[in-house]
Protein backbone atom coordinates (compact mmCIF):
# COMPACT_ATOMS: atom_id res chain seq x y z
CA VAL A 1 -83.01 133.16 20.86
CA TYR A 2 -82.15 136.02 18.76
CA ILE A 3 -80.26 135.54 15.44
CA ALA A 4 -77.76 138.17 14.00
CA ILE A 5 -76.41 137.87 10.35
CA SER A 6 -72.83 138.85 11.57
CA GLU A 7 -70.68 139.27 14.65
CA PHE A 8 -70.76 142.79 13.96
CA VAL A 9 -74.49 142.98 14.03
CA LYS A 10 -74.47 140.80 17.27
CA ARG A 11 -72.26 143.33 18.88
CA ARG A 12 -74.60 146.22 17.89
CA LEU A 13 -77.51 144.13 19.12
CA VAL A 14 -75.90 143.46 22.68
CA ALA A 15 -74.91 147.02 22.83
CA ALA A 16 -78.55 148.11 22.35
CA GLY A 17 -79.61 145.76 25.18
CA PHE A 18 -80.27 142.27 23.79
CA PRO A 19 -78.90 139.39 25.91
CA GLU A 20 -75.63 138.41 24.62
CA ASP A 21 -75.98 134.75 25.95
CA ARG A 22 -79.28 134.42 23.87
CA THR A 23 -77.92 136.18 20.62
CA GLU A 24 -76.47 133.71 17.99
CA VAL A 25 -74.75 134.47 14.65
CA LEU A 26 -75.99 132.78 11.61
CA TYR A 27 -74.39 134.14 8.37
CA ASN A 28 -76.49 134.24 5.04
CA MET A 29 -76.11 131.50 2.88
CA ILE A 30 -75.07 131.92 -0.77
CA SER A 31 -75.05 129.70 -3.93
CA TYR A 32 -71.83 127.77 -4.43
CA PRO A 33 -70.38 127.39 -7.81
CA ASP A 34 -68.95 123.74 -8.69
CA THR A 35 -65.62 125.01 -9.54
CA PRO A 36 -63.48 128.01 -8.72
CA ALA A 37 -62.55 130.65 -11.05
CA ASP A 38 -58.79 131.43 -11.69
CA ALA A 39 -58.42 134.85 -10.08
CA GLY A 40 -54.76 135.03 -11.19
CA ALA A 41 -56.19 135.30 -14.99
CA GLY A 42 -58.63 137.91 -14.11
CA ARG A 43 -59.04 140.64 -16.41
CA TYR A 44 -60.38 143.76 -14.37
CA ALA A 45 -61.19 145.08 -11.05
CA ALA A 46 -64.82 144.57 -10.42
CA PHE A 47 -67.56 146.51 -8.31
CA THR A 48 -71.33 145.30 -8.43
CA GLY A 49 -74.12 146.93 -6.38
CA ARG A 50 -76.33 149.76 -5.83
CA LEU A 51 -75.00 153.22 -7.29
CA SER A 52 -75.70 154.96 -4.17
CA ALA A 53 -73.81 157.24 -1.57
CA GLU A 54 -73.43 154.34 0.96
CA LYS A 55 -71.78 151.94 -1.25
CA GLY A 56 -68.82 154.20 -1.78
CA VAL A 57 -68.47 154.09 -5.49
CA GLU A 58 -67.00 157.57 -5.60
CA THR A 59 -64.09 156.24 -3.43
CA LEU A 60 -63.66 153.55 -6.20
CA LEU A 61 -63.65 156.08 -9.01
CA GLN A 62 -60.93 158.24 -7.26
CA ALA A 63 -58.78 155.33 -6.86
CA ALA A 64 -59.28 154.29 -10.46
CA ALA A 65 -58.16 157.59 -11.52
CA ARG A 66 -54.84 156.81 -9.85
CA LEU A 67 -54.46 153.70 -11.72
CA PRO A 68 -55.01 154.52 -15.42
CA GLU A 69 -53.48 151.34 -16.74
CA MET A 70 -56.19 149.05 -14.87
CA PRO A 71 -59.69 148.29 -16.20
CA VAL A 72 -62.42 148.94 -13.75
CA LYS A 73 -65.87 147.57 -14.43
CA ILE A 74 -68.80 148.70 -12.51
CA GLY A 75 -72.16 146.65 -12.56
CA GLY A 76 -75.36 148.06 -11.14
CA VAL A 77 -77.75 151.00 -11.09
CA GLY A 78 -78.82 153.62 -8.70
CA PRO A 79 -79.53 157.23 -7.94
CA LEU A 80 -76.07 158.26 -8.53
CA GLU A 81 -75.52 156.43 -11.82
CA THR A 82 -75.46 159.67 -14.06
CA ALA A 83 -73.28 161.48 -11.58
CA LEU A 84 -70.85 158.88 -11.25
CA LYS A 85 -70.63 158.52 -15.13
CA ARG A 86 -70.05 162.13 -15.52
CA VAL A 87 -67.07 161.97 -13.25
CA ALA A 88 -65.77 158.66 -14.08
CA PRO A 89 -62.06 158.21 -15.48
CA SER A 90 -61.58 156.67 -19.08
CA ASN A 91 -60.44 153.39 -17.77
CA VAL A 92 -63.90 152.90 -15.95
CA VAL A 93 -66.80 151.11 -17.62
CA PHE A 94 -70.48 150.79 -16.36
CA THR A 95 -72.05 147.41 -17.29
CA GLY A 96 -75.38 147.88 -15.86
CA VAL A 97 -77.58 145.13 -14.11
CA PHE A 98 -76.81 141.33 -14.88
CA ASP A 99 -79.07 138.39 -14.56
CA MET A 100 -77.84 135.64 -12.44
CA ALA A 101 -75.63 133.84 -15.11
CA GLY A 102 -74.30 137.21 -16.18
CA LEU A 103 -73.42 138.18 -12.61
CA ALA A 104 -71.45 134.69 -12.04
CA GLU A 105 -69.59 135.54 -15.35
CA PHE A 106 -68.81 139.07 -14.31
CA TYR A 107 -67.30 137.76 -10.81
CA ARG A 108 -65.43 135.01 -12.50
CA ASN A 109 -63.65 137.12 -15.04
CA ALA A 110 -62.44 139.46 -12.55
CA ALA A 111 -59.11 139.80 -11.01
CA PHE A 112 -60.75 141.08 -7.53
CA VAL A 113 -63.93 142.50 -6.26
CA VAL A 114 -63.97 145.95 -4.51
CA VAL A 115 -66.40 146.50 -1.88
CA PRO A 116 -65.85 150.44 -0.92
CA SER A 117 -68.89 150.84 1.33
CA VAL A 118 -68.69 154.00 3.58
CA TRP A 119 -71.61 152.85 5.74
CA HIS A 120 -71.60 149.77 8.00
CA GLU A 121 -72.45 146.36 6.07
CA ALA A 122 -74.42 144.18 8.18
CA PHE A 123 -73.13 141.34 6.22
CA GLY A 124 -71.61 141.78 2.92
CA LEU A 125 -73.29 139.75 0.09
CA VAL A 126 -71.24 140.67 -2.74
CA ALA A 127 -67.95 139.73 -0.65
CA ALA A 128 -69.33 136.40 0.10
CA GLU A 129 -70.52 135.76 -3.43
CA ALA A 130 -67.15 136.90 -4.98
CA MET A 131 -65.27 134.54 -2.41
CA SER A 132 -67.61 131.61 -3.41
CA HIS A 133 -66.39 131.95 -6.83
CA GLY A 134 -62.63 132.03 -5.80
CA ILE A 135 -61.94 135.71 -6.42
CA PRO A 136 -60.34 137.75 -3.78
CA VAL A 137 -62.07 140.90 -2.36
CA ILE A 138 -60.80 144.61 -1.38
CA ALA A 139 -63.16 145.82 1.15
CA ALA A 140 -63.46 148.68 3.41
CA ARG A 141 -62.64 148.10 6.91
CA ASN A 142 -65.99 148.48 8.52
CA GLY A 143 -69.18 146.52 9.46
CA ALA A 144 -69.12 142.98 8.83
CA LEU A 145 -66.52 142.83 6.01
CA PRO A 146 -63.45 142.32 8.17
CA GLU A 147 -64.77 139.14 9.75
CA LEU A 148 -65.98 137.75 6.35
CA LEU A 149 -62.33 138.10 4.78
CA GLU A 150 -60.01 137.73 7.61
CA GLU A 151 -57.73 140.09 6.41
CA ASP A 152 -54.86 138.73 4.21
CA GLU A 153 -56.53 135.61 3.97
CA ALA A 154 -59.55 136.08 1.26
CA GLY A 155 -58.49 139.54 0.52
CA LEU A 156 -57.32 142.92 1.66
CA LEU A 157 -58.82 145.71 3.70
CA PHE A 158 -58.47 149.59 3.36
CA THR A 159 -59.66 152.50 5.06
CA PRO A 160 -63.14 153.58 4.45
CA GLY A 161 -63.30 156.44 2.12
CA ASP A 162 -59.53 156.57 1.41
CA ALA A 163 -59.08 156.55 -2.33
CA ALA A 164 -55.18 156.54 -1.96
CA ASP A 165 -55.28 153.48 0.56
CA LEU A 166 -57.71 151.63 -1.86
CA ALA A 167 -55.58 152.47 -4.96
CA ASP A 168 -52.44 151.08 -3.22
CA LYS A 169 -54.37 147.58 -2.45
CA MET A 170 -55.66 147.44 -5.90
CA ARG A 171 -52.29 148.05 -7.38
CA LEU A 172 -50.91 145.21 -5.12
CA LEU A 173 -53.37 142.65 -6.10
CA TRP A 174 -53.00 143.86 -9.80
CA GLU A 175 -49.51 143.36 -10.02
CA THR A 176 -49.46 139.82 -8.09
CA PRO A 177 -51.56 137.15 -9.95
CA GLU A 178 -50.29 134.63 -7.69
CA ARG A 179 -51.13 136.22 -4.62
CA ARG A 180 -54.79 136.71 -6.17
CA ARG A 181 -54.92 133.13 -7.00
CA ALA A 182 -54.00 132.06 -3.65
CA MET A 183 -56.44 134.53 -1.72
CA GLY A 184 -59.29 133.52 -4.26
CA LEU A 185 -58.89 129.94 -3.39
CA ALA A 186 -58.60 130.59 0.57
CA GLY A 187 -61.61 132.67 0.33
CA ARG A 188 -63.50 129.82 -1.67
CA GLU A 189 -62.67 127.41 1.08
CA ARG A 190 -63.85 130.05 3.79
CA ALA A 191 -66.93 130.60 1.97
CA GLU A 192 -67.79 126.98 1.76
CA ARG A 193 -67.11 126.65 5.39
CA LEU A 194 -69.10 129.71 6.65
CA PHE A 195 -71.88 130.41 3.82
CA SER A 196 -72.71 127.20 2.01
CA THR A 197 -76.27 125.71 2.40
CA GLU A 198 -74.94 122.83 4.71
CA ALA A 199 -73.04 125.24 7.00
CA HIS A 200 -76.07 127.44 7.13
CA PHE A 201 -78.68 124.62 7.76
CA GLY A 202 -76.37 122.94 10.13
CA ARG A 203 -76.07 126.14 12.15
CA LEU A 204 -79.85 127.09 11.97
CA THR A 205 -80.69 123.63 13.35
CA ALA A 206 -78.42 124.03 16.29
CA ILE A 207 -80.02 127.33 16.88
CA TYR A 208 -83.49 125.75 17.02
CA GLY A 209 -82.18 123.05 19.15
CA ARG A 210 -80.96 125.80 21.69
CA ALA A 211 -84.27 127.68 21.66
CA ILE A 212 -86.21 124.39 22.29
CA ALA A 213 -83.88 123.69 25.06
CA LEU A 214 -84.15 127.22 26.64
CA PHE A 215 -88.04 127.00 26.31
CA ARG A 216 -88.22 123.84 28.14
CA LYS A 217 -86.57 125.12 31.00
């Protein structure tokens, strides 16, 4: 039995010749906070990740320039850090890297988290982590991100690389705290169902059971 970390990866594997009937999906598991944050009270739009070309931070900066009234915080370091800081609008703050406690606080004080990747995400760990905290996600419509969010449930999707589309989605959530709160809670429920330790090991045990059954044939 082959294991893929998302339906997107499974499709790619099957297209490459792996047997569809023996390829199973097992999402990554993530830590799950005891209580959700209140996304309706969030104070900024957030990004965290590697500051490199594939993560689409340039798209986020272009969208932020269209929304000068909205605070945007960017966590992480990477090869484009200096170049991105040079072109960032004044409403964007770079926070550097976080320890685990700092990252959790960063998520929980956000109105929403943006995942603007321009390359395919095989899973989308940042999106899943934000969901576990009860924070909605605005993500590029590529890779595994659409299946994690289930559009209009745990967040919104936009066209990859399209700063105008991203800015529209950011403005929509920024101006509707109740929608953020509802999406955040829906995302938290979805994260518990799909990415919790219990969900992961239950699914993994089932996959091992299937592998054993196939072996015995």
